Amino acid sequence: MNYSYSNKNQKLALIGCGYWGTILVKTLISQKFKNIIIHDQNYRFAKLLKKKFPSLKIEKNLNKILLDNKILNCFLITPPSKNFKPVSKFIS
């Protein structure tokens, strides 16, 4: 798999839509990334982030993100106490 940040149309996933997730989304959008999928266990946080940045796509199901071969990069921005479950899915 070729990991590159030069293709601004590639699919990116962001897990965690809290404070740091918002900062990262703002940065990715300012860098002209266009195909950003977001997920948060608390769907309300994802909806709030999409309200700020309408171009985002919300995925409610983390497994769909895991199974999507077109997502080349995924950012995990969750509290350390909640990292184990999503990280274990990504590395298994």
PDB file of N, CA and C in Angstrom:
ATOM      1  N   MET A   1       0.838  -1.169   0.000  1.00  0.00           N
ATOM      2  CA  MET A   1       0.000   0.000   0.000  1.00  0.00           C
ATOM      3  C   MET A   1       0.889   1.240   0.000  1.00  0.00           C
ATOM      4  N   ASN A   2       0.514   2.213  -0.804  1.00  0.00           N
ATOM      5  CA  ASN A   2       1.302   3.428  -0.927  1.00  0.00           C
ATOM      6  C   ASN A   2       0.690   4.528  -0.070  1.00  0.00           C
ATOM      7  N   TYR A   3       1.379   4.900   0.992  1.00  0.00           N
ATOM      8  CA  TYR A   3       0.892   5.959   1.867  1.00  0.00           C
ATOM      9  C   TYR A   3       1.473   7.280   1.397  1.00  0.00           C
ATOM     10  N   SER A   4       0.608   8.205   1.043  1.00  0.00           N
ATOM     11  CA  SER A   4       1.053   9.478   0.523  1.00  0.00           C
ATOM     12  C   SER A   4       0.127  10.586   0.991  1.00  0.00           C
ATOM     13  N   TYR A   5       0.702  11.720   1.267  1.00  0.00           N
ATOM     14  CA  TYR A   5      -0.106  12.880   1.614  1.00  0.00           C
ATOM     15  C   TYR A   5      -0.174  13.867   0.461  1.00  0.00           C
ATOM     16  N   SER A   6       0.350  13.497  -0.714  1.00  0.00           N
ATOM     17  CA  SER A   6       0.317  14.406  -1.853  1.00  0.00           C
ATOM     18  C   SER A   6      -1.001  14.307  -2.620  1.00  0.00           C
ATOM     19  N   ASN A   7      -1.694  13.187  -2.534  1.00  0.00           N
ATOM     20  CA  ASN A   7      -2.973  13.017  -3.222  1.00  0.00           C
ATOM     21  C   ASN A   7      -4.086  13.586  -2.347  1.00  0.00           C
ATOM     22  N   LYS A   8      -4.541  14.769  -2.686  1.00  0.00           N
ATOM     23  CA  LYS A   8      -5.547  15.465  -1.869  1.00  0.00           C
ATOM     24  C   LYS A   8      -6.949  14.869  -2.019  1.00  0.00           C
ATOM     25  N   ASN A   9      -7.144  13.952  -2.992  1.00  0.00           N
ATOM     26  CA  ASN A   9      -8.451  13.315  -3.190  1.00  0.00           C
ATOM     27  C   ASN A   9      -8.550  11.956  -2.523  1.00  0.00           C
ATOM     28  N   GLN A  10      -7.463  11.476  -1.909  1.00  0.00           N
ATOM     29  CA  GLN A  10      -7.497  10.168  -1.266  1.00  0.00           C
ATOM     30  C   GLN A  10      -8.476  10.172  -0.099  1.00  0.00           C
ATOM     31  N   LYS A  11      -8.982   9.006   0.228  1.00  0.00           N
ATOM     32  CA  LYS A  11      -9.878   8.866   1.375  1.00  0.00           C
ATOM     33  C   LYS A  11      -9.054   8.830   2.662  1.00  0.00           C
ATOM     34  N   LEU A  12      -9.438   9.656   3.609  1.00  0.00           N
ATOM     35  CA  LEU A  12      -8.827   9.675   4.934  1.00  0.00           C
ATOM     36  C   LEU A  12      -9.922   9.411   5.955  1.00  0.00           C
ATOM     37  N   ALA A  13      -9.587   8.728   7.014  1.00  0.00           N
ATOM     38  CA  ALA A  13     -10.543   8.512   8.100  1.00  0.00           C
ATOM     39  C   ALA A  13      -9.992   9.134   9.375  1.00  0.00           C
ATOM     40  N   LEU A  14     -10.887   9.666  10.158  1.00  0.00           N
ATOM     41  CA  LEU A  14     -10.529  10.272  11.421  1.00  0.00           C
ATOM     42  C   LEU A  14     -11.457   9.699  12.492  1.00  0.00           C
ATOM     43  N   ILE A  15     -10.863   9.032  13.470  1.00  0.00           N
ATOM     44  CA  ILE A  15     -11.625   8.421  14.556  1.00  0.00           C
ATOM     45  C   ILE A  15     -11.445   9.295  15.790  1.00  0.00           C
ATOM     46  N   GLY A  16     -12.523   9.917  16.217  1.00  0.00           N
ATOM     47  CA  GLY A  16     -12.479  10.827  17.361  1.00  0.00           C
ATOM     48  C   GLY A  16     -12.766  12.250  16.915  1.00  0.00           C
ATOM     49  N   CYS A  17     -13.895  12.786  17.311  1.00  0.00           N
ATOM     50  CA  CYS A  17     -14.342  14.095  16.827  1.00  0.00           C
ATOM     51  C   CYS A  17     -14.414  15.133  17.936  1.00  0.00           C
ATOM     52  N   GLY A  18     -13.583  14.965  18.942  1.00  0.00           N
ATOM     53  CA  GLY A  18     -13.564  15.934  20.043  1.00  0.00           C
ATOM     54  C   GLY A  18     -12.665  17.112  19.719  1.00  0.00           C
ATOM     55  N   TYR A  19     -12.069  17.664  20.733  1.00  0.00           N
ATOM     56  CA  TYR A  19     -11.232  18.866  20.602  1.00  0.00           C
ATOM     57  C   TYR A  19     -10.107  18.670  19.582  1.00  0.00           C
ATOM     58  N   TRP A  20      -9.272  17.642  19.776  1.00  0.00           N
ATOM     59  CA  TRP A  20      -8.137  17.433  18.874  1.00  0.00           C
ATOM     60  C   TRP A  20      -8.583  16.960  17.497  1.00  0.00           C
ATOM     61  N   GLY A  21      -9.666  16.214  17.432  1.00  0.00           N
ATOM     62  CA  GLY A  21     -10.209  15.811  16.136  1.00  0.00           C
ATOM     63  C   GLY A  21     -10.608  17.024  15.312  1.00  0.00           C
ATOM     64  N   THR A  22     -11.219  17.998  15.966  1.00  0.00           N
ATOM     65  CA  THR A  22     -11.614  19.240  15.293  1.00  0.00           C
ATOM     66  C   THR A  22     -10.397  19.979  14.753  1.00  0.00           C
ATOM     67  N   ILE A  23      -9.360  20.046  15.552  1.00  0.00           N
ATOM     68  CA  ILE A  23      -8.128  20.722  15.115  1.00  0.00           C
ATOM     69  C   ILE A  23      -7.530  20.006  13.917  1.00  0.00           C
ATOM     70  N   LEU A  24      -7.488  18.679  13.961  1.00  0.00           N
ATOM     71  CA  LEU A  24      -6.916  17.927  12.841  1.00  0.00           C
ATOM     72  C   LEU A  24      -7.755  18.090  11.576  1.00  0.00           C
ATOM     73  N   VAL A  25      -9.077  18.048  11.692  1.00  0.00           N
ATOM     74  CA  VAL A  25      -9.943  18.240  10.525  1.00  0.00           C
ATOM     75  C   VAL A  25      -9.699  19.614   9.921  1.00  0.00           C
ATOM     76  N   LYS A  26      -9.633  20.627  10.765  1.00  0.00           N
ATOM     77  CA  LYS A  26      -9.390  21.983  10.272  1.00  0.00           C
ATOM     78  C   LYS A  26      -8.060  22.036   9.506  1.00  0.00           C
ATOM     79  N   THR A  27      -7.040  21.371  10.019  1.00  0.00           N
ATOM     80  CA  THR A  27      -5.738  21.340   9.365  1.00  0.00           C
ATOM     81  C   THR A  27      -5.815  20.597   8.033  1.00  0.00           C
ATOM     82  N   LEU A  28      -6.458  19.426   8.013  1.00  0.00           N
ATOM     83  CA  LEU A  28      -6.573  18.656   6.770  1.00  0.00           C
ATOM     84  C   LEU A  28      -7.331  19.439   5.701  1.00  0.00           C
ATOM     85  N   ILE A  29      -8.406  20.105   6.093  1.00  0.00           N
ATOM     86  CA  ILE A  29      -9.170  20.896   5.130  1.00  0.00           C
ATOM     87  C   ILE A  29      -8.349  22.084   4.641  1.00  0.00           C
ATOM     88  N   SER A  30      -7.596  22.708   5.520  1.00  0.00           N
ATOM     89  CA  SER A  30      -6.751  23.835   5.090  1.00  0.00           C
ATOM     90  C   SER A  30      -5.653  23.374   4.129  1.00  0.00           C
ATOM     91  N   GLN A  31      -5.296  22.081   4.226  1.00  0.00           N
ATOM     92  CA  GLN A  31      -4.293  21.516   3.304  1.00  0.00           C
ATOM     93  C   GLN A  31      -4.947  20.967   2.036  1.00  0.00           C
ATOM     94  N   LYS A  32      -6.242  21.219   1.874  1.00  0.00           N
ATOM     95  CA  LYS A  32      -7.023  20.883   0.667  1.00  0.00           C
ATOM     96  C   LYS A  32      -7.379  19.411   0.522  1.00  0.00           C
ATOM     97  N   PHE A  33      -7.375  18.647   1.611  1.00  0.00           N
ATOM     98  CA  PHE A  33      -7.870  17.269   1.551  1.00  0.00           C
ATOM     99  C   PHE A  33      -9.383  17.328   1.436  1.00  0.00           C
ATOM    100  N   LYS A  34      -9.947  16.497   0.555  1.00  0.00           N
ATOM    101  CA  LYS A  34     -11.360  16.624   0.208  1.00  0.00           C
ATOM    102  C   LYS A  34     -12.219  15.449   0.628  1.00  0.00           C
ATOM    103  N   ASN A  35     -11.657  14.311   0.885  1.00  0.00           N
ATOM    104  CA  ASN A  35     -12.436  13.094   1.102  1.00  0.00           C
ATOM    105  C   ASN A  35     -12.177  12.557   2.514  1.00  0.00           C
ATOM    106  N   ILE A  36     -12.741  13.246   3.507  1.00  0.00           N
ATOM    107  CA  ILE A  36     -12.479  12.913   4.909  1.00  0.00           C
ATOM    108  C   ILE A  36     -13.720  12.273   5.519  1.00  0.00           C
ATOM    109  N   ILE A  37     -13.523  11.087   6.076  1.00  0.00           N
ATOM    110  CA  ILE A  37     -14.592  10.359   6.744  1.00  0.00           C
ATOM    111  C   ILE A  37     -14.331  10.441   8.247  1.00  0.00           C
ATOM    112  N   ILE A  38     -15.375  10.746   9.005  1.00  0.00           N
ATOM    113  CA  ILE A  38     -15.209  10.873  10.452  1.00  0.00           C
ATOM    114  C   ILE A  38     -16.082   9.850  11.183  1.00  0.00           C
ATOM    115  N   HIS A  39     -15.613   9.479  12.373  1.00  0.00           N
ATOM    116  CA  HIS A  39     -16.349   8.537  13.216  1.00  0.00           C
ATOM    117  C   HIS A  39     -16.077   8.897  14.673  1.00  0.00           C
ATOM    118  N   ASP A  40     -17.114   8.800  15.478  1.00  0.00           N
ATOM    119  CA  ASP A  40     -16.958   8.942  16.916  1.00  0.00           C
ATOM    120  C   ASP A  40     -17.985   8.031  17.579  1.00  0.00           C
ATOM    121  N   GLN A  41     -17.602   7.420  18.672  1.00  0.00           N
ATOM    122  CA  GLN A  41     -18.547   6.573  19.407  1.00  0.00           C
ATOM    123  C   GLN A  41     -19.793   7.362  19.777  1.00  0.00           C
ATOM    124  N   ASN A  42     -19.589   8.627  20.100  1.00  0.00           N
ATOM    125  CA  ASN A  42     -20.705   9.517  20.413  1.00  0.00           C
ATOM    126  C   ASN A  42     -21.082  10.238  19.106  1.00  0.00           C
ATOM    127  N   TYR A  43     -22.126   9.763  18.469  1.00  0.00           N
ATOM    128  CA  TYR A  43     -22.551  10.279  17.165  1.00  0.00           C
ATOM    129  C   TYR A  43     -22.808  11.788  17.195  1.00  0.00           C
ATOM    130  N   ARG A  44     -23.208  12.299  18.337  1.00  0.00           N
ATOM    131  CA  ARG A  44     -23.465  13.738  18.479  1.00  0.00           C
ATOM    132  C   ARG A  44     -22.207  14.555  18.181  1.00  0.00           C
ATOM    133  N   PHE A  45     -21.044  14.065  18.600  1.00  0.00           N
ATOM    134  CA  PHE A  45     -19.782  14.768  18.324  1.00  0.00           C
ATOM    135  C   PHE A  45     -19.498  14.803  16.822  1.00  0.00           C
ATOM    136  N   ALA A  46     -19.756  13.693  16.147  1.00  0.00           N
ATOM    137  CA  ALA A  46     -19.549  13.643  14.693  1.00  0.00           C
ATOM    138  C   ALA A  46     -20.485  14.633  13.992  1.00  0.00           C
ATOM    139  N   LYS A  47     -21.731  14.691  14.438  1.00  0.00           N
ATOM    140  CA  LYS A  47     -22.692  15.621  13.832  1.00  0.00           C
ATOM    141  C   LYS A  47     -22.273  17.074  14.056  1.00  0.00           C
ATOM    142  N   LEU A  48     -21.760  17.384  15.230  1.00  0.00           N
ATOM    143  CA  LEU A  48     -21.301  18.743  15.506  1.00  0.00           C
ATOM    144  C   LEU A  48     -20.121  19.119  14.611  1.00  0.00           C
ATOM    145  N   LEU A  49     -19.211  18.176  14.417  1.00  0.00           N
ATOM    146  CA  LEU A  49     -18.048  18.437  13.572  1.00  0.00           C
ATOM    147  C   LEU A  49     -18.477  18.625  12.112  1.00  0.00           C
ATOM    148  N   LYS A  50     -19.422  17.819  11.654  1.00  0.00           N
ATOM    149  CA  LYS A  50     -19.919  17.964  10.284  1.00  0.00           C
ATOM    150  C   LYS A  50     -20.641  19.294  10.099  1.00  0.00           C
ATOM    151  N   LYS A  51     -21.293  19.756  11.146  1.00  0.00           N
ATOM    152  CA  LYS A  51     -21.972  21.053  11.061  1.00  0.00           C
ATOM    153  C   LYS A  51     -20.944  22.171  10.823  1.00  0.00           C
ATOM    154  N   LYS A  52     -19.777  22.060  11.455  1.00  0.00           N
ATOM    155  CA  LYS A  52     -18.703  23.053  11.258  1.00  0.00           C
ATOM    156  C   LYS A  52     -18.052  22.913   9.897  1.00  0.00           C
ATOM    157  N   PHE A  53     -17.938  21.648   9.417  1.00  0.00           N
ATOM    158  CA  PHE A  53     -17.255  21.361   8.150  1.00  0.00           C
ATOM    159  C   PHE A  53     -18.162  20.465   7.305  1.00  0.00           C
ATOM    160  N   PRO A  54     -19.088  21.050   6.541  1.00  0.00           N
ATOM    161  CA  PRO A  54     -20.094  20.264   5.808  1.00  0.00           C
ATOM    162  C   PRO A  54     -19.536  19.260   4.794  1.00  0.00           C
ATOM    163  N   SER A  55     -18.305  19.423   4.352  1.00  0.00           N
ATOM    164  CA  SER A  55     -17.752  18.488   3.358  1.00  0.00           C
ATOM    165  C   SER A  55     -17.411  17.120   3.951  1.00  0.00           C
ATOM    166  N   LEU A  56     -17.384  17.000   5.268  1.00  0.00           N
ATOM    167  CA  LEU A  56     -17.054  15.728   5.913  1.00  0.00           C
ATOM    168  C   LEU A  56     -18.154  14.700   5.678  1.00  0.00           C
ATOM    169  N   LYS A  57     -17.754  13.436   5.706  1.00  0.00           N
ATOM    170  CA  LYS A  57     -18.713  12.336   5.623  1.00  0.00           C
ATOM    171  C   LYS A  57     -18.670  11.593   6.952  1.00  0.00           C
ATOM    172  N   ILE A  58     -19.820  11.319   7.529  1.00  0.00           N
ATOM    173  CA  ILE A  58     -19.886  10.602   8.799  1.00  0.00           C
ATOM    174  C   ILE A  58     -20.106   9.121   8.519  1.00  0.00           C
ATOM    175  N   GLU A  59     -19.318   8.289   9.184  1.00  0.00           N
ATOM    176  CA  GLU A  59     -19.545   6.836   9.150  1.00  0.00           C
ATOM    177  C   GLU A  59     -19.840   6.397  10.576  1.00  0.00           C
ATOM    178  N   LYS A  60     -21.035   5.873  10.785  1.00  0.00           N
ATOM    179  CA  LYS A  60     -21.438   5.430  12.128  1.00  0.00           C
ATOM    180  C   LYS A  60     -20.759   4.133  12.534  1.00  0.00           C
ATOM    181  N   ASN A  61     -20.406   3.301  11.562  1.00  0.00           N
ATOM    182  CA  ASN A  61     -19.893   1.958  11.823  1.00  0.00           C
ATOM    183  C   ASN A  61     -18.378   1.910  11.631  1.00  0.00           C
ATOM    184  N   LEU A  62     -17.649   1.732  12.722  1.00  0.00           N
ATOM    185  CA  LEU A  62     -16.188   1.668  12.655  1.00  0.00           C
ATOM    186  C   LEU A  62     -15.718   0.523  11.763  1.00  0.00           C
ATOM    187  N   ASN A  63     -16.446  -0.584  11.760  1.00  0.00           N
ATOM    188  CA  ASN A  63     -16.039  -1.726  10.931  1.00  0.00           C
ATOM    189  C   ASN A  63     -16.052  -1.398   9.443  1.00  0.00           C
ATOM    190  N   LYS A  64     -16.950  -0.530   9.010  1.00  0.00           N
ATOM    191  CA  LYS A  64     -16.972  -0.131   7.599  1.00  0.00           C
ATOM    192  C   LYS A  64     -15.705   0.633   7.234  1.00  0.00           C
ATOM    193  N   ILE A  65     -15.200   1.415   8.160  1.00  0.00           N
ATOM    194  CA  ILE A  65     -13.936   2.121   7.930  1.00  0.00           C
ATOM    195  C   ILE A  65     -12.802   1.102   7.838  1.00  0.00           C
ATOM    196  N   LEU A  66     -12.810   0.143   8.747  1.00  0.00           N
ATOM    197  CA  LEU A  66     -11.755  -0.882   8.754  1.00  0.00           C
ATOM    198  C   LEU A  66     -11.727  -1.693   7.456  1.00  0.00           C
ATOM    199  N   LEU A  67     -12.883  -1.927   6.869  1.00  0.00           N
ATOM    200  CA  LEU A  67     -12.975  -2.775   5.679  1.00  0.00           C
ATOM    201  C   LEU A  67     -12.828  -2.008   4.366  1.00  0.00           C
ATOM    202  N   ASP A  68     -12.767  -0.703   4.423  1.00  0.00           N
ATOM    203  CA  ASP A  68     -12.680   0.109   3.209  1.00  0.00           C
ATOM    204  C   ASP A  68     -11.228   0.182   2.717  1.00  0.00           C
ATOM    205  N   ASN A  69     -10.919  -0.534   1.637  1.00  0.00           N
ATOM    206  CA  ASN A  69      -9.541  -0.592   1.112  1.00  0.00           C
ATOM    207  C   ASN A  69      -9.085   0.739   0.524  1.00  0.00           C
ATOM    208  N   LYS A  70     -10.015   1.633   0.261  1.00  0.00           N
ATOM    209  CA  LYS A  70      -9.650   2.909  -0.354  1.00  0.00           C
ATOM    210  C   LYS A  70      -9.186   3.934   0.678  1.00  0.00           C
ATOM    211  N   ILE A  71      -9.350   3.625   1.952  1.00  0.00           N
ATOM    212  CA  ILE A  71      -8.845   4.514   3.000  1.00  0.00           C
ATOM    213  C   ILE A  71      -7.382   4.159   3.232  1.00  0.00           C
ATOM    214  N   LEU A  72      -6.499   5.078   2.842  1.00  0.00           N
ATOM    215  CA  LEU A  72      -5.068   4.809   2.962  1.00  0.00           C
ATOM    216  C   LEU A  72      -4.485   5.296   4.282  1.00  0.00           C
ATOM    217  N   ASN A  73      -5.133   6.273   4.881  1.00  0.00           N
ATOM    218  CA  ASN A  73      -4.628   6.841   6.133  1.00  0.00           C
ATOM    219  C   ASN A  73      -5.775   7.024   7.110  1.00  0.00           C
ATOM    220  N   CYS A  74      -5.514   6.664   8.356  1.00  0.00           N
ATOM    221  CA  CYS A  74      -6.526   6.797   9.394  1.00  0.00           C
ATOM    222  C   CYS A  74      -5.879   7.439  10.615  1.00  0.00           C
ATOM    223  N   PHE A  75      -6.528   8.460  11.126  1.00  0.00           N
ATOM    224  CA  PHE A  75      -6.044   9.160  12.314  1.00  0.00           C
ATOM    225  C   PHE A  75      -6.900   8.735  13.496  1.00  0.00           C
ATOM    226  N   LEU A  76      -6.266   8.280  14.550  1.00  0.00           N
ATOM    227  CA  LEU A  76      -6.961   7.853  15.755  1.00  0.00           C
ATOM    228  C   LEU A  76      -6.732   8.917  16.821  1.00  0.00           C
ATOM    229  N   ILE A  77      -7.788   9.656  17.138  1.00  0.00           N
ATOM    230  CA  ILE A  77      -7.670  10.768  18.068  1.00  0.00           C
ATOM    231  C   ILE A  77      -8.681  10.551  19.188  1.00  0.00           C
ATOM    232  N   THR A  78      -8.386   9.594  20.020  1.00  0.00           N
ATOM    233  CA  THR A  78      -9.274   9.258  21.122  1.00  0.00           C
ATOM    234  C   THR A  78      -8.500   9.352  22.433  1.00  0.00           C
ATOM    235  N   PRO A  79      -9.200   9.494  23.545  1.00  0.00           N
ATOM    236  CA  PRO A  79      -8.504   9.533  24.834  1.00  0.00           C
ATOM    237  C   PRO A  79      -7.734   8.228  25.064  1.00  0.00           C
ATOM    238  N   PRO A  80      -6.561   8.292  25.683  1.00  0.00           N
ATOM    239  CA  PRO A  80      -5.772   7.084  25.925  1.00  0.00           C
ATOM    240  C   PRO A  80      -6.565   5.964  26.594  1.00  0.00           C
ATOM    241  N   SER A  81      -7.473   6.305  27.471  1.00  0.00           N
ATOM    242  CA  SER A  81      -8.247   5.279  28.168  1.00  0.00           C
ATOM    243  C   SER A  81      -9.212   4.544  27.235  1.00  0.00           C
ATOM    244  N   LYS A  82      -9.456   5.102  26.046  1.00  0.00           N
ATOM    245  CA  LYS A  82     -10.381   4.482  25.094  1.00  0.00           C
ATOM    246  C   LYS A  82      -9.683   4.015  23.815  1.00  0.00           C
ATOM    247  N   ASN A  83      -8.368   4.057  23.779  1.00  0.00           N
ATOM    248  CA  ASN A  83      -7.611   3.694  22.567  1.00  0.00           C
ATOM    249  C   ASN A  83      -7.607   2.207  22.269  1.00  0.00           C
ATOM    250  N   PHE A  84      -7.646   1.366  23.292  1.00  0.00           N
ATOM    251  CA  PHE A  84      -7.399  -0.055  23.079  1.00  0.00           C
ATOM    252  C   PHE A  84      -8.348  -0.692  22.070  1.00  0.00           C
ATOM    253  N   LYS A  85      -9.639  -0.461  22.213  1.00  0.00           N
ATOM    254  CA  LYS A  85     -10.616  -1.116  21.334  1.00  0.00           C
ATOM    255  C   LYS A  85     -10.405  -0.761  19.858  1.00  0.00           C
ATOM    256  N   PRO A  86     -10.352   0.527  19.492  1.00  0.00           N
ATOM    257  CA  PRO A  86     -10.145   0.808  18.072  1.00  0.00           C
ATOM    258  C   PRO A  86      -8.757   0.393  17.562  1.00  0.00           C
ATOM    259  N   VAL A  87      -7.741   0.588  18.367  1.00  0.00           N
ATOM    260  CA  VAL A  87      -6.388   0.209  17.934  1.00  0.00           C
ATOM    261  C   VAL A  87      -6.308  -1.285  17.706  1.00  0.00           C
ATOM    262  N   SER A  88      -6.883  -2.073  18.590  1.00  0.00           N
ATOM    263  CA  SER A  88      -6.825  -3.532  18.439  1.00  0.00           C
ATOM    264  C   SER A  88      -7.544  -3.982  17.170  1.00  0.00           C
ATOM    265  N   LYS A  89      -8.594  -3.271  16.764  1.00  0.00           N
ATOM    266  CA  LYS A  89      -9.277  -3.613  15.509  1.00  0.00           C
ATOM    267  C   LYS A  89      -8.394  -3.297  14.304  1.00  0.00           C
ATOM    268  N   PHE A  90      -7.661  -2.206  14.367  1.00  0.00           N
ATOM    269  CA  PHE A  90      -6.825  -1.812  13.230  1.00  0.00           C
ATOM    270  C   PHE A  90      -5.609  -2.721  13.062  1.00  0.00           C
ATOM    271  N   ILE A  91      -5.064  -3.249  14.146  1.00  0.00           N
ATOM    272  CA  ILE A  91      -3.864  -4.059  14.014  1.00  0.00           C
ATOM    273  C   ILE A  91      -4.130  -5.553  13.901  1.00  0.00           C
ATOM    274  N   SER A  92      -5.375  -5.981  14.058  1.00  0.00           N
ATOM    275  CA  SER A  92      -5.651  -7.405  13.967  1.00  0.00           C
ATOM    276  C   SER A  92      -6.002  -7.820  12.554  1.00  0.00           C
TER     277      SER A  92
END
